[in-house]
PDB file of N, CA and C in Angstrom:
ATOM      1  N   MET A   1      81.156  83.925 107.807  1.00  0.00           N
ATOM      2  CA  MET A   1      82.216  84.484 107.733  1.00  0.00           C
ATOM      3  C   MET A   1      82.866  84.675 108.484  1.00  0.00           C
ATOM      4  N   HIS A   2      84.460  83.910 108.953  1.00  0.00           N
ATOM      5  CA  HIS A   2      85.256  84.033 110.200  1.00  0.00           C
ATOM      6  C   HIS A   2      85.979  84.400 109.485  1.00  0.00           C
ATOM      7  N   GLY A   3      86.704  85.692 110.839  1.00  0.00           N
ATOM      8  CA  GLY A   3      88.502  86.227 109.929  1.00  0.00           C
ATOM      9  C   GLY A   3      88.618  86.565 111.208  1.00  0.00           C
ATOM     10  N   ALA A   4      89.814  87.333 111.625  1.00  0.00           N
ATOM     11  CA  ALA A   4      91.260  87.950 111.787  1.00  0.00           C
ATOM     12  C   ALA A   4      91.696  89.068 111.961  1.00  0.00           C
ATOM     13  N   PHE A   5      91.627  89.089 113.067  1.00  0.00           N
ATOM     14  CA  PHE A   5      92.475  91.007 113.155  1.00  0.00           C
ATOM     15  C   PHE A   5      93.624  90.773 112.547  1.00  0.00           C
ATOM     16  N   VAL A   6      94.138  91.770 111.944  1.00  0.00           N
ATOM     17  CA  VAL A   6      95.564  91.304 111.008  1.00  0.00           C
ATOM     18  C   VAL A   6      96.406  92.626 112.075  1.00  0.00           C
ATOM     19  N   HIS A   7      96.155  94.518 111.216  1.00  0.00           N
ATOM     20  CA  HIS A   7      96.670  95.287 111.498  1.00  0.00           C
ATOM     21  C   HIS A   7      96.250  96.217 111.341  1.00  0.00           C
ATOM     22  N   THR A   8      96.781  96.727 111.646  1.00  0.00           N
ATOM     23  CA  THR A   8      95.810  98.673 111.338  1.00  0.00           C
ATOM     24  C   THR A   8      97.279  99.373 111.120  1.00  0.00           C
ATOM     25  N   CYS A   9      97.004 100.577 110.081  1.00  0.00           N
ATOM     26  CA  CYS A   9      97.488 101.383 109.299  1.00  0.00           C
ATOM     27  C   CYS A   9      97.195 102.428 109.862  1.00  0.00           C
ATOM     28  N   TYR A  10      98.353 103.549 109.558  1.00  0.00           N
ATOM     29  CA  TYR A  10      97.789 105.295 109.298  1.00  0.00           C
ATOM     30  C   TYR A  10      99.038 105.948 108.334  1.00  0.00           C
ATOM     31  N   ARG A  11      98.765 107.398 108.265  1.00  0.00           N
ATOM     32  CA  ARG A  11      99.994 107.660 107.710  1.00  0.00           C
ATOM     33  C   ARG A  11     100.701 108.828 108.383  1.00  0.00           C
ATOM     34  N   ILE A  12     102.073 108.431 108.215  1.00  0.00           N
ATOM     35  CA  ILE A  12     102.711 108.902 108.380  1.00  0.00           C
ATOM     36  C   ILE A  12     103.947 110.592 107.855  1.00  0.00           C
ATOM     37  N   LEU A  13     104.003 110.692 108.608  1.00  0.00           N
ATOM     38  CA  LEU A  13     104.938 112.128 108.029  1.00  0.00           C
ATOM     39  C   LEU A  13     106.591 112.132 107.885  1.00  0.00           C
ATOM     40  N   ASP A  14     106.770 111.573 109.793  1.00  0.00           N
ATOM     41  CA  ASP A  14     108.657 111.876 109.815  1.00  0.00           C
ATOM     42  C   ASP A  14     108.360 110.029 109.751  1.00  0.00           C
ATOM     43  N   PRO A  15     109.060 109.094 109.145  1.00  0.00           N
ATOM     44  CA  PRO A  15     109.478 107.709 109.534  1.00  0.00           C
ATOM     45  C   PRO A  15     110.292 107.971 110.475  1.00  0.00           C
ATOM     46  N   ALA A  16     111.172 108.696 111.146  1.00  0.00           N
ATOM     47  CA  ALA A  16     112.442 108.145 111.961  1.00  0.00           C
ATOM     48  C   ALA A  16     111.878 108.505 113.280  1.00  0.00           C
ATOM     49  N   ALA A  17     110.836 109.349 112.890  1.00  0.00           N
ATOM     50  CA  ALA A  17     110.508 110.349 114.223  1.00  0.00           C
ATOM     51  C   ALA A  17     109.302 109.074 114.853  1.00  0.00           C
ATOM     52  N   SER A  18     108.430 108.083 114.294  1.00  0.00           N
ATOM     53  CA  SER A  18     107.334 107.242 114.509  1.00  0.00           C
ATOM     54  C   SER A  18     108.023 105.696 114.251  1.00  0.00           C
ATOM     55  N   ILE A  19     109.253 106.205 113.580  1.00  0.00           N
ATOM     56  CA  ILE A  19     109.938 104.929 114.964  1.00  0.00           C
ATOM     57  C   ILE A  19     110.782 105.145 115.981  1.00  0.00           C
ATOM     58  N   GLN A  20     111.517 106.438 116.289  1.00  0.00           N
ATOM     59  CA  GLN A  20     111.874 105.994 117.292  1.00  0.00           C
ATOM     60  C   GLN A  20     110.860 106.108 118.614  1.00  0.00           C
ATOM     61  N   PHE A  21     109.765 106.799 118.335  1.00  0.00           N
ATOM     62  CA  PHE A  21     108.415 106.692 118.970  1.00  0.00           C
ATOM     63  C   PHE A  21     108.065 104.791 119.497  1.00  0.00           C
ATOM     64  N   TYR A  22     107.748 104.714 118.014  1.00  0.00           N
ATOM     65  CA  TYR A  22     106.342 103.184 118.344  1.00  0.00           C
ATOM     66  C   TYR A  22     107.956 102.584 119.539  1.00  0.00           C
ATOM     67  N   THR A  23     109.736 102.299 119.108  1.00  0.00           N
ATOM     68  CA  THR A  23     110.588 101.378 119.198  1.00  0.00           C
ATOM     69  C   THR A  23     111.169 101.958 120.489  1.00  0.00           C
ATOM     70  N   GLU A  24     111.127 103.045 121.028  1.00  0.00           N
ATOM     71  CA  GLU A  24     111.552 103.328 122.292  1.00  0.00           C
ATOM     72  C   GLU A  24     110.687 103.529 123.274  1.00  0.00           C
ATOM     73  N   CYS A  25     110.117 104.007 123.094  1.00  0.00           N
ATOM     74  CA  CYS A  25     108.840 104.922 123.651  1.00  0.00           C
ATOM     75  C   CYS A  25     107.898 104.094 124.293  1.00  0.00           C
ATOM     76  N   LEU A  26     108.104 103.051 123.752  1.00  0.00           N
ATOM     77  CA  LEU A  26     105.797 101.717 123.771  1.00  0.00           C
ATOM     78  C   LEU A  26     106.486 100.732 123.509  1.00  0.00           C
ATOM     79  N   GLY A  27     107.893 100.773 122.892  1.00  0.00           N
ATOM     80  CA  GLY A  27     108.856  99.102 123.749  1.00  0.00           C
ATOM     81  C   GLY A  27     108.103  98.083 122.073  1.00  0.00           C
ATOM     82  N   LEU A  28     107.591  98.813 121.312  1.00  0.00           N
ATOM     83  CA  LEU A  28     107.809  97.737 119.716  1.00  0.00           C
ATOM     84  C   LEU A  28     108.893  97.771 118.863  1.00  0.00           C
ATOM     85  N   GLU A  29     108.576  96.981 118.302  1.00  0.00           N
ATOM     86  CA  GLU A  29     109.513  95.930 117.477  1.00  0.00           C
ATOM     87  C   GLU A  29     109.644  96.594 115.885  1.00  0.00           C
ATOM     88  N   HIS A  30     110.441  96.845 115.735  1.00  0.00           N
ATOM     89  CA  HIS A  30     110.344  97.620 113.868  1.00  0.00           C
ATOM     90  C   HIS A  30     110.684  96.132 112.748  1.00  0.00           C
ATOM     91  N   VAL A  31     109.813  95.798 112.777  1.00  0.00           N
ATOM     92  CA  VAL A  31     109.772  94.583 111.758  1.00  0.00           C
ATOM     93  C   VAL A  31     110.190  94.047 110.898  1.00  0.00           C
ATOM     94  N   ARG A  32     109.880  95.647 109.632  1.00  0.00           N
ATOM     95  CA  ARG A  32     110.016  95.879 108.805  1.00  0.00           C
ATOM     96  C   ARG A  32     109.651  96.808 107.298  1.00  0.00           C
ATOM     97  N   ALA A  33     110.871  97.380 106.398  1.00  0.00           N
ATOM     98  CA  ALA A  33     110.283  98.196 105.377  1.00  0.00           C
ATOM     99  C   ALA A  33     109.525  98.043 104.613  1.00  0.00           C
ATOM    100  N   SER A  34     108.387  98.141 103.874  1.00  0.00           N
ATOM    101  CA  SER A  34     108.325  97.728 102.906  1.00  0.00           C
ATOM    102  C   SER A  34     107.713  98.796 101.501  1.00  0.00           C
ATOM    103  N   PRO A  35     108.818  98.630 100.167  1.00  0.00           N
ATOM    104  CA  PRO A  35     108.788  99.973  99.433  1.00  0.00           C
ATOM    105  C   PRO A  35     106.920  99.447  98.606  1.00  0.00           C
ATOM    106  N   ILE A  36     106.828 100.096  98.107  1.00  0.00           N
ATOM    107  CA  ILE A  36     105.374 100.260  97.391  1.00  0.00           C
ATOM    108  C   ILE A  36     105.786 101.481  96.445  1.00  0.00           C
ATOM    109  N   ARG A  37     105.969 100.609  95.486  1.00  0.00           N
ATOM    110  CA  ARG A  37     107.087 100.872  94.041  1.00  0.00           C
ATOM    111  C   ARG A  37     108.007 102.468  94.752  1.00  0.00           C
ATOM    112  N   ASP A  38     108.522 103.594  94.505  1.00  0.00           N
ATOM    113  CA  ASP A  38     108.828 104.793  94.165  1.00  0.00           C
ATOM    114  C   ASP A  38     107.559 105.701  95.440  1.00  0.00           C
ATOM    115  N   GLU A  39     106.478 104.916  95.445  1.00  0.00           N
ATOM    116  CA  GLU A  39     105.487 105.948  96.570  1.00  0.00           C
ATOM    117  C   GLU A  39     105.726 105.750  97.491  1.00  0.00           C
ATOM    118  N   ALA A  40     105.676 105.173  97.759  1.00  0.00           N
ATOM    119  CA  ALA A  40     105.836 104.946  99.799  1.00  0.00           C
ATOM    120  C   ALA A  40     106.191 103.934 100.141  1.00  0.00           C
ATOM    121  N   THR A  41     106.452 104.068 101.852  1.00  0.00           N
ATOM    122  CA  THR A  41     106.204 102.447 102.541  1.00  0.00           C
ATOM    123  C   THR A  41     106.159 102.685 103.742  1.00  0.00           C
ATOM    124  N   ASN A  42     105.546 101.258 103.764  1.00  0.00           N
ATOM    125  CA  ASN A  42     105.318 100.162 104.789  1.00  0.00           C
ATOM    126  C   ASN A  42     106.225  99.954 106.016  1.00  0.00           C
ATOM    127  N   HIS A  43     106.117 100.367 107.083  1.00  0.00           N
ATOM    128  CA  HIS A  43     106.577 100.515 107.962  1.00  0.00           C
ATOM    129  C   HIS A  43     105.409  99.366 109.534  1.00  0.00           C
ATOM    130  N   PHE A  44     106.133  98.326 109.713  1.00  0.00           N
ATOM    131  CA  PHE A  44     105.360  97.169 110.104  1.00  0.00           C
ATOM    132  C   PHE A  44     106.218  97.305 111.438  1.00  0.00           C
ATOM    133  N   PHE A  45     104.998  97.132 112.676  1.00  0.00           N
ATOM    134  CA  PHE A  45     105.419  97.139 114.692  1.00  0.00           C
ATOM    135  C   PHE A  45     104.563  95.472 115.219  1.00  0.00           C
ATOM    136  N   GLY A  46     105.353  95.050 116.078  1.00  0.00           N
ATOM    137  CA  GLY A  46     104.971  94.499 116.654  1.00  0.00           C
ATOM    138  C   GLY A  46     105.296  94.983 118.180  1.00  0.00           C
ATOM    139  N   TYR A  47     105.069  93.946 119.429  1.00  0.00           N
ATOM    140  CA  TYR A  47     105.552  93.244 120.229  1.00  0.00           C
ATOM    141  C   TYR A  47     107.470  92.137 119.612  1.00  0.00           C
ATOM    142  N   PRO A  48     108.353  92.278 120.305  1.00  0.00           N
ATOM    143  CA  PRO A  48     108.773  91.227 120.295  1.00  0.00           C
ATOM    144  C   PRO A  48     107.807  89.744 120.528  1.00  0.00           C
ATOM    145  N   GLY A  49     108.186  89.140 120.086  1.00  0.00           N
ATOM    146  CA  GLY A  49     107.670  87.468 120.023  1.00  0.00           C
ATOM    147  C   GLY A  49     106.019  87.393 119.005  1.00  0.00           C
ATOM    148  N   ASP A  50     105.759  88.860 119.294  1.00  0.00           N
ATOM    149  CA  ASP A  50     104.555  88.821 118.619  1.00  0.00           C
ATOM    150  C   ASP A  50     104.805  88.265 117.010  1.00  0.00           C
ATOM    151  N   PRO A  51     103.753  86.840 116.724  1.00  0.00           N
ATOM    152  CA  PRO A  51     103.641  86.341 115.543  1.00  0.00           C
ATOM    153  C   PRO A  51     103.618  86.676 114.102  1.00  0.00           C
ATOM    154  N   GLU A  52     103.265  87.632 113.977  1.00  0.00           N
ATOM    155  CA  GLU A  52     102.792  88.784 113.123  1.00  0.00           C
ATOM    156  C   GLU A  52     102.456  90.149 113.497  1.00  0.00           C
ATOM    157  N   PRO A  53     103.177  91.592 112.822  1.00  0.00           N
ATOM    158  CA  PRO A  53     103.240  92.484 113.139  1.00  0.00           C
ATOM    159  C   PRO A  53     102.027  92.439 112.859  1.00  0.00           C
ATOM    160  N   TRP A  54     101.047  93.947 113.978  1.00  0.00           N
ATOM    161  CA  TRP A  54      99.470  94.278 114.085  1.00  0.00           C
ATOM    162  C   TRP A  54      99.509  96.190 113.766  1.00  0.00           C
ATOM    163  N   LEU A  55     101.070  96.979 113.875  1.00  0.00           N
ATOM    164  CA  LEU A  55     100.486  98.177 113.574  1.00  0.00           C
ATOM    165  C   LEU A  55     101.559  98.405 112.094  1.00  0.00           C
ATOM    166  N   GLU A  56     100.479  98.895 110.723  1.00  0.00           N
ATOM    167  CA  GLU A  56     101.328  99.358 109.380  1.00  0.00           C
ATOM    168  C   GLU A  56     101.403 100.648 109.841  1.00  0.00           C
ATOM    169  N   LEU A  57     102.767 101.621 109.346  1.00  0.00           N
ATOM    170  CA  LEU A  57     102.613 102.509 109.298  1.00  0.00           C
ATOM    171  C   LEU A  57     103.330 103.272 107.855  1.00  0.00           C
ATOM    172  N   THR A  58     101.977 104.102 107.205  1.00  0.00           N
ATOM    173  CA  THR A  58     102.565 104.365 105.379  1.00  0.00           C
ATOM    174  C   THR A  58     103.254 105.279 105.958  1.00  0.00           C
ATOM    175  N   HIS A  59     104.421 105.937 105.350  1.00  0.00           N
ATOM    176  CA  HIS A  59     104.353 106.503 104.585  1.00  0.00           C
ATOM    177  C   HIS A  59     105.038 107.045 102.969  1.00  0.00           C
ATOM    178  N   ASN A  60     103.809 107.960 102.744  1.00  0.00           N
ATOM    179  CA  ASN A  60     103.986 108.639 101.417  1.00  0.00           C
ATOM    180  C   ASN A  60     105.536 109.770 101.234  1.00  0.00           C
ATOM    181  N   HIS A  61     106.103 109.109 100.272  1.00  0.00           N
ATOM    182  CA  HIS A  61     107.579 109.490  99.343  1.00  0.00           C
ATOM    183  C   HIS A  61     107.270 111.399  99.727  1.00  0.00           C
ATOM    184  N   ASP A  62     105.817 111.620  99.363  1.00  0.00           N
ATOM    185  CA  ASP A  62     105.456 113.177  97.799  1.00  0.00           C
ATOM    186  C   ASP A  62     105.358 113.522  99.850  1.00  0.00           C
ATOM    187  N   ARG A  63     104.724 112.975  99.999  1.00  0.00           N
ATOM    188  CA  ARG A  63     103.988 114.445 101.728  1.00  0.00           C
ATOM    189  C   ARG A  63     104.730 114.954 102.069  1.00  0.00           C
ATOM    190  N   THR A  64     104.653 116.183 102.048  1.00  0.00           N
ATOM    191  CA  THR A  64     105.403 117.785 102.922  1.00  0.00           C
ATOM    192  C   THR A  64     104.590 118.048 104.542  1.00  0.00           C
ATOM    193  N   GLU A  65     103.210 117.873 104.694  1.00  0.00           N
ATOM    194  CA  GLU A  65     102.244 118.881 104.739  1.00  0.00           C
ATOM    195  C   GLU A  65     101.606 117.635 106.084  1.00  0.00           C
ATOM    196  N   PRO A  66     101.712 117.785 107.402  1.00  0.00           N
ATOM    197  CA  PRO A  66     100.723 116.907 108.583  1.00  0.00           C
ATOM    198  C   PRO A  66      99.912 116.746 107.778  1.00  0.00           C
ATOM    199  N   TYR A  67      99.330 114.739 108.003  1.00  0.00           N
ATOM    200  CA  TYR A  67      97.862 114.544 107.910  1.00  0.00           C
ATOM    201  C   TYR A  67      97.087 115.089 108.583  1.00  0.00           C
ATOM    202  N   GLU A  68      95.665 115.244 108.685  1.00  0.00           N
ATOM    203  CA  GLU A  68      94.586 115.862 109.513  1.00  0.00           C
ATOM    204  C   GLU A  68      94.034 114.456 110.271  1.00  0.00           C
ATOM    205  N   VAL A  69      94.936 114.477 111.958  1.00  0.00           N
ATOM    206  CA  VAL A  69      94.053 113.314 112.147  1.00  0.00           C
ATOM    207  C   VAL A  69      92.173 112.946 111.702  1.00  0.00           C
ATOM    208  N   GLY A  70      91.536 114.087 111.967  1.00  0.00           N
ATOM    209  CA  GLY A  70      90.141 114.616 111.200  1.00  0.00           C
ATOM    210  C   GLY A  70      89.378 113.610 112.813  1.00  0.00           C
ATOM    211  N   THR A  71      88.402 113.313 112.162  1.00  0.00           N
ATOM    212  CA  THR A  71      87.083 112.867 114.030  1.00  0.00           C
ATOM    213  C   THR A  71      86.672 111.587 113.688  1.00  0.00           C
ATOM    214  N   GLY A  72      87.353 111.033 112.510  1.00  0.00           N
ATOM    215  CA  GLY A  72      86.666 109.995 112.439  1.00  0.00           C
ATOM    216  C   GLY A  72      88.056 108.408 113.758  1.00  0.00           C
ATOM    217  N   TYR A  73      89.153 108.993 113.441  1.00  0.00           N
ATOM    218  CA  TYR A  73      89.859 108.090 113.667  1.00  0.00           C
ATOM    219  C   TYR A  73      89.786 108.979 115.712  1.00  0.00           C
ATOM    220  N   GLY A  74      89.832 107.558 117.343  1.00  0.00           N
ATOM    221  CA  GLY A  74      89.768 107.403 117.891  1.00  0.00           C
ATOM    222  C   GLY A  74      91.303 107.544 118.922  1.00  0.00           C
ATOM    223  N   HIS A  75      91.651 106.133 118.794  1.00  0.00           N
ATOM    224  CA  HIS A  75      92.991 105.903 118.712  1.00  0.00           C
ATOM    225  C   HIS A  75      93.188 104.446 119.170  1.00  0.00           C
ATOM    226  N   ILE A  76      94.454 103.989 119.686  1.00  0.00           N
ATOM    227  CA  ILE A  76      94.670 101.743 119.716  1.00  0.00           C
ATOM    228  C   ILE A  76      94.811 102.194 120.810  1.00  0.00           C
ATOM    229  N   ALA A  77      94.952 100.810 121.536  1.00  0.00           N
ATOM    230  CA  ALA A  77      95.178 100.612 123.210  1.00  0.00           C
ATOM    231  C   ALA A  77      96.675  99.598 123.174  1.00  0.00           C
ATOM    232  N   ILE A  78      96.821 100.452 123.676  1.00  0.00           N
ATOM    233  CA  ILE A  78      98.522  99.235 124.219  1.00  0.00           C
ATOM    234  C   ILE A  78      98.539  98.389 125.261  1.00  0.00           C
ATOM    235  N   ALA A  79      98.041  97.391 126.331  1.00  0.00           N
ATOM    236  CA  ALA A  79      98.644  96.943 128.160  1.00  0.00           C
ATOM    237  C   ALA A  79      99.413  96.773 127.913  1.00  0.00           C
ATOM    238  N   VAL A  80      99.978  97.869 129.412  1.00  0.00           N
ATOM    239  CA  VAL A  80     101.406  97.735 129.833  1.00  0.00           C
ATOM    240  C   VAL A  80     101.373  97.385 131.429  1.00  0.00           C
ATOM    241  N   SER A  81     102.390  96.906 131.100  1.00  0.00           N
ATOM    242  CA  SER A  81     102.615  96.188 133.494  1.00  0.00           C
ATOM    243  C   SER A  81     102.283  97.514 133.626  1.00  0.00           C
ATOM    244  N   SER A  82     103.061  98.307 133.959  1.00  0.00           N
ATOM    245  CA  SER A  82     102.313  98.982 135.470  1.00  0.00           C
ATOM    246  C   SER A  82     102.229 100.365 134.003  1.00  0.00           C
ATOM    247  N   LEU A  83     101.594 101.326 134.427  1.00  0.00           N
ATOM    248  CA  LEU A  83     100.907 102.719 133.550  1.00  0.00           C
ATOM    249  C   LEU A  83     101.922 103.499 134.015  1.00  0.00           C
ATOM    250  N   ASP A  84     102.418 103.749 135.732  1.00  0.00           N
ATOM    251  CA  ASP A  84     102.777 104.874 136.404  1.00  0.00           C
ATOM    252  C   ASP A  84     104.452 104.895 135.490  1.00  0.00           C
ATOM    253  N   GLU A  85     104.990 103.170 135.346  1.00  0.00           N
ATOM    254  CA  GLU A  85     106.468 103.262 135.254  1.00  0.00           C
ATOM    255  C   GLU A  85     106.307 103.351 133.685  1.00  0.00           C
ATOM    256  N   THR A  86     105.559 103.168 132.441  1.00  0.00           N
ATOM    257  CA  THR A  86     106.207 103.374 131.545  1.00  0.00           C
ATOM    258  C   THR A  86     104.910 105.224 130.885  1.00  0.00           C
ATOM    259  N   LEU A  87     104.747 105.412 132.393  1.00  0.00           N
ATOM    260  CA  LEU A  87     104.290 107.050 132.048  1.00  0.00           C
ATOM    261  C   LEU A  87     105.743 107.949 132.628  1.00  0.00           C
ATOM    262  N   ALA A  88     106.471 107.740 133.372  1.00  0.00           N
ATOM    263  CA  ALA A  88     107.523 108.133 134.001  1.00  0.00           C
ATOM    264  C   ALA A  88     109.026 107.788 132.963  1.00  0.00           C
ATOM    265  N   ALA A  89     108.473 106.075 132.086  1.00  0.00           N
ATOM    266  CA  ALA A  89     109.740 106.608 131.449  1.00  0.00           C
ATOM    267  C   ALA A  89     109.866 107.226 129.860  1.00  0.00           C
ATOM    268  N   LEU A  90     108.005 107.228 129.612  1.00  0.00           N
ATOM    269  CA  LEU A  90     107.464 108.323 128.274  1.00  0.00           C
ATOM    270  C   LEU A  90     108.238 110.010 128.842  1.00  0.00           C
ATOM    271  N   ASP A  91     107.934 110.423 130.335  1.00  0.00           N
ATOM    272  CA  ASP A  91     108.471 111.755 130.586  1.00  0.00           C
ATOM    273  C   ASP A  91     110.254 111.768 130.241  1.00  0.00           C
ATOM    274  N   GLU A  92     110.673 110.697 131.095  1.00  0.00           N
ATOM    275  CA  GLU A  92     112.389 110.717 130.774  1.00  0.00           C
ATOM    276  C   GLU A  92     112.346 110.821 128.769  1.00  0.00           C
ATOM    277  N   LYS A  93     111.792 110.413 128.336  1.00  0.00           N
ATOM    278  CA  LYS A  93     111.725 110.901 126.704  1.00  0.00           C
ATOM    279  C   LYS A  93     110.925 111.751 125.789  1.00  0.00           C
ATOM    280  N   GLY A  94     109.989 112.552 126.924  1.00  0.00           N
ATOM    281  CA  GLY A  94     109.979 114.297 126.578  1.00  0.00           C
ATOM    282  C   GLY A  94     108.180 113.629 126.151  1.00  0.00           C
ATOM    283  N   VAL A  95     108.140 112.607 126.227  1.00  0.00           N
ATOM    284  CA  VAL A  95     106.445 112.088 125.718  1.00  0.00           C
ATOM    285  C   VAL A  95     105.416 112.488 126.874  1.00  0.00           C
ATOM    286  N   GLN A  96     104.760 113.585 126.854  1.00  0.00           N
ATOM    287  CA  GLN A  96     103.458 114.027 127.855  1.00  0.00           C
ATOM    288  C   GLN A  96     102.079 113.487 128.213  1.00  0.00           C
ATOM    289  N   PRO A  97     101.549 112.996 128.475  1.00  0.00           N
ATOM    290  CA  PRO A  97     100.190 112.160 129.110  1.00  0.00           C
ATOM    291  C   PRO A  97      99.329 113.918 128.842  1.00  0.00           C
ATOM    292  N   GLU A  98      97.831 113.405 127.797  1.00  0.00           N
ATOM    293  CA  GLU A  98      97.485 114.658 127.723  1.00  0.00           C
ATOM    294  C   GLU A  98      96.867 115.174 128.717  1.00  0.00           C
ATOM    295  N   ARG A  99      96.303 114.492 130.010  1.00  0.00           N
ATOM    296  CA  ARG A  99      95.967 114.552 131.413  1.00  0.00           C
ATOM    297  C   ARG A  99      96.390 114.327 131.986  1.00  0.00           C
ATOM    298  N   ALA A 100      96.657 113.642 133.738  1.00  0.00           N
ATOM    299  CA  ALA A 100      96.942 112.625 134.532  1.00  0.00           C
ATOM    300  C   ALA A 100      95.724 111.191 134.092  1.00  0.00           C
ATOM    301  N   PRO A 101      96.606 109.925 134.661  1.00  0.00           N
ATOM    302  CA  PRO A 101      95.455 109.238 134.312  1.00  0.00           C
ATOM    303  C   PRO A 101      94.525 109.005 134.887  1.00  0.00           C
ATOM    304  N   TYR A 102      93.213 108.375 134.212  1.00  0.00           N
ATOM    305  CA  TYR A 102      91.721 108.609 135.698  1.00  0.00           C
ATOM    306  C   TYR A 102      91.556 107.076 135.528  1.00  0.00           C
ATOM    307  N   LEU A 103      90.342 106.427 135.931  1.00  0.00           N
ATOM    308  CA  LEU A 103      89.510 105.397 135.603  1.00  0.00           C
ATOM    309  C   LEU A 103      88.590 105.673 134.614  1.00  0.00           C
ATOM    310  N   VAL A 104      88.357 104.696 133.776  1.00  0.00           N
ATOM    311  CA  VAL A 104      87.055 103.795 133.158  1.00  0.00           C
ATOM    312  C   VAL A 104      86.121 103.176 133.578  1.00  0.00           C
ATOM    313  N   GLY A 105      85.698 102.952 135.086  1.00  0.00           N
ATOM    314  CA  GLY A 105      84.912 101.805 135.025  1.00  0.00           C
ATOM    315  C   GLY A 105      86.217 101.457 136.984  1.00  0.00           C
ATOM    316  N   THR A 106      86.784 100.013 136.151  1.00  0.00           N
ATOM    317  CA  THR A 106      87.514  99.918 137.508  1.00  0.00           C
ATOM    318  C   THR A 106      89.209 100.327 136.878  1.00  0.00           C
ATOM    319  N   THR A 107      89.183  99.928 135.103  1.00  0.00           N
ATOM    320  CA  THR A 107      90.872 100.780 134.456  1.00  0.00           C
ATOM    321  C   THR A 107      91.108 101.344 134.372  1.00  0.00           C
ATOM    322  N   ARG A 108      91.926 101.982 134.954  1.00  0.00           N
ATOM    323  CA  ARG A 108      92.954 102.884 134.934  1.00  0.00           C
ATOM    324  C   ARG A 108      93.394 103.046 133.497  1.00  0.00           C
ATOM    325  N   ILE A 109      94.252 104.276 132.715  1.00  0.00           N
ATOM    326  CA  ILE A 109      94.182 104.579 131.681  1.00  0.00           C
ATOM    327  C   ILE A 109      94.749 105.633 131.982  1.00  0.00           C
ATOM    328  N   CYS A 110      95.206 106.196 130.706  1.00  0.00           N
ATOM    329  CA  CYS A 110      95.667 107.344 129.943  1.00  0.00           C
ATOM    330  C   CYS A 110      95.951 107.338 128.842  1.00  0.00           C
ATOM    331  N   PHE A 111      96.007 108.888 128.450  1.00  0.00           N
ATOM    332  CA  PHE A 111      96.544 109.368 126.319  1.00  0.00           C
ATOM    333  C   PHE A 111      97.636 109.582 126.864  1.00  0.00           C
ATOM    334  N   VAL A 112      98.756 109.225 125.228  1.00  0.00           N
ATOM    335  CA  VAL A 112      99.711 110.133 124.793  1.00  0.00           C
ATOM    336  C   VAL A 112      99.522 110.192 123.555  1.00  0.00           C
ATOM    337  N   ARG A 113      99.895 110.484 122.737  1.00  0.00           N
ATOM    338  CA  ARG A 113      99.715 110.748 121.617  1.00  0.00           C
ATOM    339  C   ARG A 113     101.180 110.662 120.202  1.00  0.00           C
ATOM    340  N   ASP A 114     101.310 110.312 119.650  1.00  0.00           N
ATOM    341  CA  ASP A 114     102.226 110.341 119.042  1.00  0.00           C
ATOM    342  C   ASP A 114     102.967 111.532 118.082  1.00  0.00           C
ATOM    343  N   PRO A 115     104.086 111.398 117.431  1.00  0.00           N
ATOM    344  CA  PRO A 115     104.692 112.616 116.798  1.00  0.00           C
ATOM    345  C   PRO A 115     103.892 112.692 115.701  1.00  0.00           C
ATOM    346  N   ASP A 116     102.996 112.402 115.748  1.00  0.00           N
ATOM    347  CA  ASP A 116     101.586 112.773 114.306  1.00  0.00           C
ATOM    348  C   ASP A 116     100.908 113.020 115.144  1.00  0.00           C
ATOM    349  N   GLY A 117     100.447 113.166 116.099  1.00  0.00           N
ATOM    350  CA  GLY A 117      98.909 113.536 117.122  1.00  0.00           C
ATOM    351  C   GLY A 117      98.056 112.247 116.239  1.00  0.00           C
ATOM    352  N   TYR A 118      98.126 110.957 116.135  1.00  0.00           N
ATOM    353  CA  TYR A 118      97.666 109.960 116.566  1.00  0.00           C
ATOM    354  C   TYR A 118      97.486 109.655 118.507  1.00  0.00           C
ATOM    355  N   ARG A 119      96.661 109.829 118.555  1.00  0.00           N
ATOM    356  CA  ARG A 119      96.817 108.821 120.065  1.00  0.00           C
ATOM    357  C   ARG A 119      96.394 107.843 119.976  1.00  0.00           C
ATOM    358  N   ILE A 120      97.113 107.304 121.247  1.00  0.00           N
ATOM    359  CA  ILE A 120      97.740 105.785 122.514  1.00  0.00           C
ATOM    360  C   ILE A 120      97.520 106.143 123.368  1.00  0.00           C
ATOM    361  N   GLU A 121      96.079 104.678 123.779  1.00  0.00           N
ATOM    362  CA  GLU A 121      95.923 105.092 125.021  1.00  0.00           C
ATOM    363  C   GLU A 121      97.006 104.230 125.716  1.00  0.00           C
ATOM    364  N   LEU A 122      97.393 104.798 126.669  1.00  0.00           N
ATOM    365  CA  LEU A 122      97.630 103.248 128.072  1.00  0.00           C
ATOM    366  C   LEU A 122      97.218 102.342 128.726  1.00  0.00           C
ATOM    367  N   ILE A 123      97.015 101.100 128.977  1.00  0.00           N
ATOM    368  CA  ILE A 123      96.235 100.684 129.696  1.00  0.00           C
ATOM    369  C   ILE A 123      96.738  99.572 130.839  1.00  0.00           C
TER     370      ILE A 123
END
């Protein structure tokens, strides 16, 4: 079987906050919103120029309580051109890292959280 990665999906509580975080803080483009009957809306994101969106955030309209991230979710990883510049720009938007950047092998990384508490690794 031959396959290809299409996207990852997780559930969100506040679409406006998530759209703002992923577009203004991480530079993704909100490609489209696709309603699922009257029950939910899927919001798709990618970087400008991506052939297809690779992040899907699902907002269930009747949900009012935050989701539990749980122990199975790890993180998504995003490559940035400069970790220090990205963290400085995020700081200006009120987004703080979990801790200072650190090395894993020879790769310098840092984690932030989105409005729903999902971890985002910046590489």
